[in-house]
Amino acid sequence: MPHINDRIILRAWRHRGETGRIHYMAAKAGGGERHLYVDEGSALYTVLEGHLLAMGYTGPASDSADDE
């Protein structure tokens, strides 16, 4: 089975107060990066969510921090 050595998704995160969406940076073929997002229900969302949880990422602080 061939291995893919090039990383396509460089990083992923959630925005504060935003549920059901994961943002990520993808490498562009010609160089550079592109900011994209995926919504809950997508197969890619499931993969990214599992990876983030495995890394111990719980997301940004809740909106309640902004209310103080």
PDB file of N, CA and C in Angstrom:
ATOM      1  N   MET A   1       0.847  -1.163   0.000  1.00  0.00           N
ATOM      2  CA  MET A   1       0.000   0.000   0.000  1.00  0.00           C
ATOM      3  C   MET A   1       0.900   1.236   0.000  1.00  0.00           C
ATOM      4  N   PRO A   2       0.632   2.193  -0.865  1.00  0.00           N
ATOM      5  CA  PRO A   2       1.470   3.400  -0.907  1.00  0.00           C
ATOM      6  C   PRO A   2       1.259   4.280   0.319  1.00  0.00           C
ATOM      7  N   HIS A   3       2.311   4.955   0.710  1.00  0.00           N
ATOM      8  CA  HIS A   3       2.261   5.889   1.833  1.00  0.00           C
ATOM      9  C   HIS A   3       2.230   7.305   1.296  1.00  0.00           C
ATOM     10  N   ILE A   4       1.516   8.156   1.973  1.00  0.00           N
ATOM     11  CA  ILE A   4       1.467   9.575   1.614  1.00  0.00           C
ATOM     12  C   ILE A   4       2.321  10.323   2.622  1.00  0.00           C
ATOM     13  N   ASN A   5       3.427  10.849   2.167  1.00  0.00           N
ATOM     14  CA  ASN A   5       4.341  11.546   3.061  1.00  0.00           C
ATOM     15  C   ASN A   5       4.018  13.029   3.200  1.00  0.00           C
ATOM     16  N   ASP A   6       3.380  13.601   2.197  1.00  0.00           N
ATOM     17  CA  ASP A   6       3.057  15.024   2.246  1.00  0.00           C
ATOM     18  C   ASP A   6       1.827  15.248   3.107  1.00  0.00           C
ATOM     19  N   ARG A   7       1.944  16.169   4.061  1.00  0.00           N
ATOM     20  CA  ARG A   7       0.780  16.526   4.870  1.00  0.00           C
ATOM     21  C   ARG A   7      -0.081  17.500   4.085  1.00  0.00           C
ATOM     22  N   ILE A   8      -1.347  17.215   4.032  1.00  0.00           N
ATOM     23  CA  ILE A   8      -2.280  18.109   3.355  1.00  0.00           C
ATOM     24  C   ILE A   8      -2.925  19.047   4.372  1.00  0.00           C
ATOM     25  N   ILE A   9      -3.423  18.490   5.477  1.00  0.00           N
ATOM     26  CA  ILE A   9      -4.010  19.304   6.545  1.00  0.00           C
ATOM     27  C   ILE A   9      -2.905  19.613   7.550  1.00  0.00           C
ATOM     28  N   LEU A  10      -2.618  20.895   7.697  1.00  0.00           N
ATOM     29  CA  LEU A  10      -1.491  21.323   8.512  1.00  0.00           C
ATOM     30  C   LEU A  10      -1.862  21.524   9.976  1.00  0.00           C
ATOM     31  N   ARG A  11      -3.050  22.066  10.243  1.00  0.00           N
ATOM     32  CA  ARG A  11      -3.519  22.252  11.614  1.00  0.00           C
ATOM     33  C   ARG A  11      -5.039  22.410  11.597  1.00  0.00           C
ATOM     34  N   ALA A  12      -5.637  22.145  12.729  1.00  0.00           N
ATOM     35  CA  ALA A  12      -7.093  22.232  12.852  1.00  0.00           C
ATOM     36  C   ALA A  12      -7.442  22.780  14.225  1.00  0.00           C
ATOM     37  N   TRP A  13      -8.588  23.470  14.316  1.00  0.00           N
ATOM     38  CA  TRP A  13      -9.007  24.070  15.572  1.00  0.00           C
ATOM     39  C   TRP A  13     -10.494  24.403  15.505  1.00  0.00           C
ATOM     40  N   ARG A  14     -11.030  24.780  16.658  1.00  0.00           N
ATOM     41  CA  ARG A  14     -12.409  25.278  16.755  1.00  0.00           C
ATOM     42  C   ARG A  14     -12.363  26.740  17.191  1.00  0.00           C
ATOM     43  N   HIS A  15     -13.316  27.528  16.723  1.00  0.00           N
ATOM     44  CA  HIS A  15     -13.436  28.910  17.177  1.00  0.00           C
ATOM     45  C   HIS A  15     -14.278  28.956  18.440  1.00  0.00           C
ATOM     46  N   ARG A  16     -14.015  29.895  19.285  1.00  0.00           N
ATOM     47  CA  ARG A  16     -14.734  30.075  20.544  1.00  0.00           C
ATOM     48  C   ARG A  16     -16.224  30.289  20.281  1.00  0.00           C
ATOM     49  N   GLY A  17     -17.052  29.528  20.986  1.00  0.00           N
ATOM     50  CA  GLY A  17     -18.497  29.691  20.893  1.00  0.00           C
ATOM     51  C   GLY A  17     -19.122  29.097  19.646  1.00  0.00           C
ATOM     52  N   GLU A  18     -18.340  28.512  18.772  1.00  0.00           N
ATOM     53  CA  GLU A  18     -18.847  27.951  17.526  1.00  0.00           C
ATOM     54  C   GLU A  18     -18.895  26.428  17.660  1.00  0.00           C
ATOM     55  N   THR A  19     -20.061  25.865  17.576  1.00  0.00           N
ATOM     56  CA  THR A  19     -20.207  24.413  17.699  1.00  0.00           C
ATOM     57  C   THR A  19     -20.515  23.801  16.347  1.00  0.00           C
ATOM     58  N   GLY A  20     -20.130  22.551  16.192  1.00  0.00           N
ATOM     59  CA  GLY A  20     -20.448  21.836  14.962  1.00  0.00           C
ATOM     60  C   GLY A  20     -19.602  22.209  13.764  1.00  0.00           C
ATOM     61  N   ARG A  21     -18.477  22.862  13.990  1.00  0.00           N
ATOM     62  CA  ARG A  21     -17.595  23.268  12.877  1.00  0.00           C
ATOM     63  C   ARG A  21     -16.145  23.193  13.327  1.00  0.00           C
ATOM     64  N   ILE A  22     -15.298  22.665  12.469  1.00  0.00           N
ATOM     65  CA  ILE A  22     -13.854  22.626  12.708  1.00  0.00           C
ATOM     66  C   ILE A  22     -13.173  23.368  11.562  1.00  0.00           C
ATOM     67  N   HIS A  23     -12.316  24.291  11.899  1.00  0.00           N
ATOM     68  CA  HIS A  23     -11.525  25.031  10.916  1.00  0.00           C
ATOM     69  C   HIS A  23     -10.192  24.296  10.733  1.00  0.00           C
ATOM     70  N   TYR A  24      -9.623  24.405   9.542  1.00  0.00           N
ATOM     71  CA  TYR A  24      -8.319  23.791   9.309  1.00  0.00           C
ATOM     72  C   TYR A  24      -7.568  24.526   8.212  1.00  0.00           C
ATOM     73  N   MET A  25      -6.253  24.379   8.236  1.00  0.00           N
ATOM     74  CA  MET A  25      -5.387  24.938   7.201  1.00  0.00           C
ATOM     75  C   MET A  25      -4.909  23.794   6.331  1.00  0.00           C
ATOM     76  N   ALA A  26      -5.068  23.951   5.029  1.00  0.00           N
ATOM     77  CA  ALA A  26      -4.645  22.937   4.078  1.00  0.00           C
ATOM     78  C   ALA A  26      -3.514  23.492   3.217  1.00  0.00           C
ATOM     79  N   ALA A  27      -2.575  22.624   2.867  1.00  0.00           N
ATOM     80  CA  ALA A  27      -1.472  23.017   1.989  1.00  0.00           C
ATOM     81  C   ALA A  27      -1.993  23.097   0.558  1.00  0.00           C
ATOM     82  N   LYS A  28      -1.637  24.161  -0.132  1.00  0.00           N
ATOM     83  CA  LYS A  28      -2.015  24.319  -1.539  1.00  0.00           C
ATOM     84  C   LYS A  28      -0.943  23.660  -2.411  1.00  0.00           C
ATOM     85  N   ALA A  29      -1.345  23.144  -3.551  1.00  0.00           N
ATOM     86  CA  ALA A  29      -0.421  22.436  -4.444  1.00  0.00           C
ATOM     87  C   ALA A  29       0.741  23.320  -4.879  1.00  0.00           C
ATOM     88  N   GLY A  30       0.493  24.583  -5.127  1.00  0.00           N
ATOM     89  CA  GLY A  30       1.536  25.487  -5.588  1.00  0.00           C
ATOM     90  C   GLY A  30       2.314  26.147  -4.470  1.00  0.00           C
ATOM     91  N   GLY A  31       2.064  25.735  -3.253  1.00  0.00           N
ATOM     92  CA  GLY A  31       2.693  26.369  -2.089  1.00  0.00           C
ATOM     93  C   GLY A  31       1.694  27.255  -1.379  1.00  0.00           C
ATOM     94  N   GLY A  32       1.970  27.552  -0.170  1.00  0.00           N
ATOM     95  CA  GLY A  32       1.067  28.381   0.619  1.00  0.00           C
ATOM     96  C   GLY A  32       0.025  27.540   1.332  1.00  0.00           C
ATOM     97  N   GLU A  33      -0.906  28.237   1.967  1.00  0.00           N
ATOM     98  CA  GLU A  33      -1.932  27.577   2.765  1.00  0.00           C
ATOM     99  C   GLU A  33      -3.296  28.173   2.463  1.00  0.00           C
ATOM    100  N   ARG A  34      -4.330  27.397   2.765  1.00  0.00           N
ATOM    101  CA  ARG A  34      -5.698  27.862   2.582  1.00  0.00           C
ATOM    102  C   ARG A  34      -6.503  27.529   3.831  1.00  0.00           C
ATOM    103  N   HIS A  35      -7.252  28.519   4.337  1.00  0.00           N
ATOM    104  CA  HIS A  35      -8.110  28.330   5.516  1.00  0.00           C
ATOM    105  C   HIS A  35      -9.469  27.806   5.044  1.00  0.00           C
ATOM    106  N   LEU A  36      -9.859  26.643   5.571  1.00  0.00           N
ATOM    107  CA  LEU A  36     -11.128  26.020   5.229  1.00  0.00           C
ATOM    108  C   LEU A  36     -11.834  25.596   6.502  1.00  0.00           C
ATOM    109  N   TYR A  37     -13.073  25.148   6.377  1.00  0.00           N
ATOM    110  CA  TYR A  37     -13.774  24.586   7.526  1.00  0.00           C
ATOM    111  C   TYR A  37     -14.677  23.461   7.054  1.00  0.00           C
ATOM    112  N   VAL A  38     -15.046  22.618   8.008  1.00  0.00           N
ATOM    113  CA  VAL A  38     -15.925  21.496   7.732  1.00  0.00           C
ATOM    114  C   VAL A  38     -16.979  21.441   8.836  1.00  0.00           C
ATOM    115  N   ASP A  39     -18.211  21.173   8.455  1.00  0.00           N
ATOM    116  CA  ASP A  39     -19.304  21.129   9.418  1.00  0.00           C
ATOM    117  C   ASP A  39     -19.570  19.707   9.897  1.00  0.00           C
ATOM    118  N   GLU A  40     -20.180  19.620  11.079  1.00  0.00           N
ATOM    119  CA  GLU A  40     -20.543  18.339  11.669  1.00  0.00           C
ATOM    120  C   GLU A  40     -21.435  17.561  10.698  1.00  0.00           C
ATOM    121  N   GLY A  41     -21.221  16.258  10.651  1.00  0.00           N
ATOM    122  CA  GLY A  41     -21.969  15.407   9.735  1.00  0.00           C
ATOM    123  C   GLY A  41     -21.130  14.960   8.551  1.00  0.00           C
ATOM    124  N   SER A  42     -20.034  15.648   8.315  1.00  0.00           N
ATOM    125  CA  SER A  42     -19.115  15.297   7.237  1.00  0.00           C
ATOM    126  C   SER A  42     -18.130  14.235   7.725  1.00  0.00           C
ATOM    127  N   ALA A  43     -17.706  13.375   6.823  1.00  0.00           N
ATOM    128  CA  ALA A  43     -16.719  12.351   7.176  1.00  0.00           C
ATOM    129  C   ALA A  43     -15.410  12.998   7.629  1.00  0.00           C
ATOM    130  N   LEU A  44     -15.007  14.096   6.997  1.00  0.00           N
ATOM    131  CA  LEU A  44     -13.771  14.774   7.388  1.00  0.00           C
ATOM    132  C   LEU A  44     -13.901  15.359   8.791  1.00  0.00           C
ATOM    133  N   TYR A  45     -15.074  15.858   9.148  1.00  0.00           N
ATOM    134  CA  TYR A  45     -15.301  16.378  10.502  1.00  0.00           C
ATOM    135  C   TYR A  45     -15.030  15.279  11.522  1.00  0.00           C
ATOM    136  N   THR A  46     -15.532  14.086  11.264  1.00  0.00           N
ATOM    137  CA  THR A  46     -15.348  12.955  12.176  1.00  0.00           C
ATOM    138  C   THR A  46     -13.872  12.611  12.331  1.00  0.00           C
ATOM    139  N   VAL A  47     -13.143  12.617  11.234  1.00  0.00           N
ATOM    140  CA  VAL A  47     -11.709  12.313  11.279  1.00  0.00           C
ATOM    141  C   VAL A  47     -10.959  13.387  12.059  1.00  0.00           C
ATOM    142  N   LEU A  48     -11.214  14.653  11.760  1.00  0.00           N
ATOM    143  CA  LEU A  48     -10.527  15.746  12.452  1.00  0.00           C
ATOM    144  C   LEU A  48     -10.888  15.781  13.934  1.00  0.00           C
ATOM    145  N   GLU A  49     -12.160  15.565  14.257  1.00  0.00           N
ATOM    146  CA  GLU A  49     -12.579  15.570  15.655  1.00  0.00           C
ATOM    147  C   GLU A  49     -11.879  14.460  16.435  1.00  0.00           C
ATOM    148  N   GLY A  50     -11.801  13.272  15.846  1.00  0.00           N
ATOM    149  CA  GLY A  50     -11.114  12.159  16.502  1.00  0.00           C
ATOM    150  C   GLY A  50      -9.640  12.450  16.723  1.00  0.00           C
ATOM    151  N   HIS A  51      -9.011  13.063  15.735  1.00  0.00           N
ATOM    152  CA  HIS A  51      -7.592  13.402  15.851  1.00  0.00           C
ATOM    153  C   HIS A  51      -7.373  14.459  16.925  1.00  0.00           C
ATOM    154  N   LEU A  52      -8.207  15.487  16.949  1.00  0.00           N
ATOM    155  CA  LEU A  52      -8.070  16.535  17.962  1.00  0.00           C
ATOM    156  C   LEU A  52      -8.275  15.976  19.368  1.00  0.00           C
ATOM    157  N   LEU A  53      -9.270  15.115  19.524  1.00  0.00           N
ATOM    158  CA  LEU A  53      -9.515  14.503  20.835  1.00  0.00           C
ATOM    159  C   LEU A  53      -8.346  13.624  21.254  1.00  0.00           C
ATOM    160  N   ALA A  54      -7.763  12.892  20.319  1.00  0.00           N
ATOM    161  CA  ALA A  54      -6.620  12.024  20.625  1.00  0.00           C
ATOM    162  C   ALA A  54      -5.414  12.837  21.079  1.00  0.00           C
ATOM    163  N   MET A  55      -5.306  14.060  20.581  1.00  0.00           N
ATOM    164  CA  MET A  55      -4.210  14.944  20.975  1.00  0.00           C
ATOM    165  C   MET A  55      -4.501  15.663  22.289  1.00  0.00           C
ATOM    166  N   GLY A  56      -5.703  15.495  22.827  1.00  0.00           N
ATOM    167  CA  GLY A  56      -6.065  16.166  24.067  1.00  0.00           C
ATOM    168  C   GLY A  56      -6.621  17.566  23.884  1.00  0.00           C
ATOM    169  N   TYR A  57      -6.920  17.944  22.642  1.00  0.00           N
ATOM    170  CA  TYR A  57      -7.456  19.277  22.358  1.00  0.00           C
ATOM    171  C   TYR A  57      -8.931  19.310  22.731  1.00  0.00           C
ATOM    172  N   THR A  58      -9.300  20.232  23.605  1.00  0.00           N
ATOM    173  CA  THR A  58     -10.693  20.338  24.028  1.00  0.00           C
ATOM    174  C   THR A  58     -11.354  21.580  23.463  1.00  0.00           C
ATOM    175  N   GLY A  59     -10.628  22.364  22.726  1.00  0.00           N
ATOM    176  CA  GLY A  59     -11.198  23.556  22.115  1.00  0.00           C
ATOM    177  C   GLY A  59     -10.852  24.814  22.878  1.00  0.00           C
ATOM    178  N   PRO A  60     -11.216  25.956  22.344  1.00  0.00           N
ATOM    179  CA  PRO A  60     -10.924  27.229  23.000  1.00  0.00           C
ATOM    180  C   PRO A  60     -11.805  27.404  24.230  1.00  0.00           C
ATOM    181  N   ALA A  61     -11.480  28.412  25.014  1.00  0.00           N
ATOM    182  CA  ALA A  61     -12.284  28.720  26.204  1.00  0.00           C
ATOM    183  C   ALA A  61     -13.709  29.039  25.789  1.00  0.00           C
ATOM    184  N   SER A  62     -14.650  28.865  26.687  1.00  0.00           N
ATOM    185  CA  SER A  62     -16.048  29.132  26.392  1.00  0.00           C
ATOM    186  C   SER A  62     -16.281  30.636  26.284  1.00  0.00           C
ATOM    187  N   ASP A  63     -17.441  31.006  25.764  1.00  0.00           N
ATOM    188  CA  ASP A  63     -17.801  32.411  25.638  1.00  0.00           C
ATOM    189  C   ASP A  63     -17.945  33.098  26.980  1.00  0.00           C
ATOM    190  N   SER A  64     -18.162  32.332  28.042  1.00  0.00           N
ATOM    191  CA  SER A  64     -18.359  32.931  29.362  1.00  0.00           C
ATOM    192  C   SER A  64     -17.150  33.754  29.799  1.00  0.00           C
ATOM    193  N   ALA A  65     -15.961  33.451  29.287  1.00  0.00           N
ATOM    194  CA  ALA A  65     -14.764  34.218  29.629  1.00  0.00           C
ATOM    195  C   ALA A  65     -14.873  35.642  29.083  1.00  0.00           C
ATOM    196  N   ASP A  66     -15.611  35.819  27.977  1.00  0.00           N
ATOM    197  CA  ASP A  66     -15.773  37.138  27.392  1.00  0.00           C
ATOM    198  C   ASP A  66     -16.732  38.001  28.187  1.00  0.00           C
ATOM    199  N   ASP A  67     -17.602  37.373  28.996  1.00  0.00           N
ATOM    200  CA  ASP A  67     -18.618  38.095  29.737  1.00  0.00           C
ATOM    201  C   ASP A  67     -18.079  38.734  31.008  1.00  0.00           C
ATOM    202  N   GLU A  68     -16.858  38.406  31.403  1.00  0.00           N
ATOM    203  CA  GLU A  68     -16.322  38.917  32.667  1.00  0.00           C
ATOM    204  C   GLU A  68     -15.788  40.318  32.511  1.00  0.00           C
TER     205      GLU A  68
END
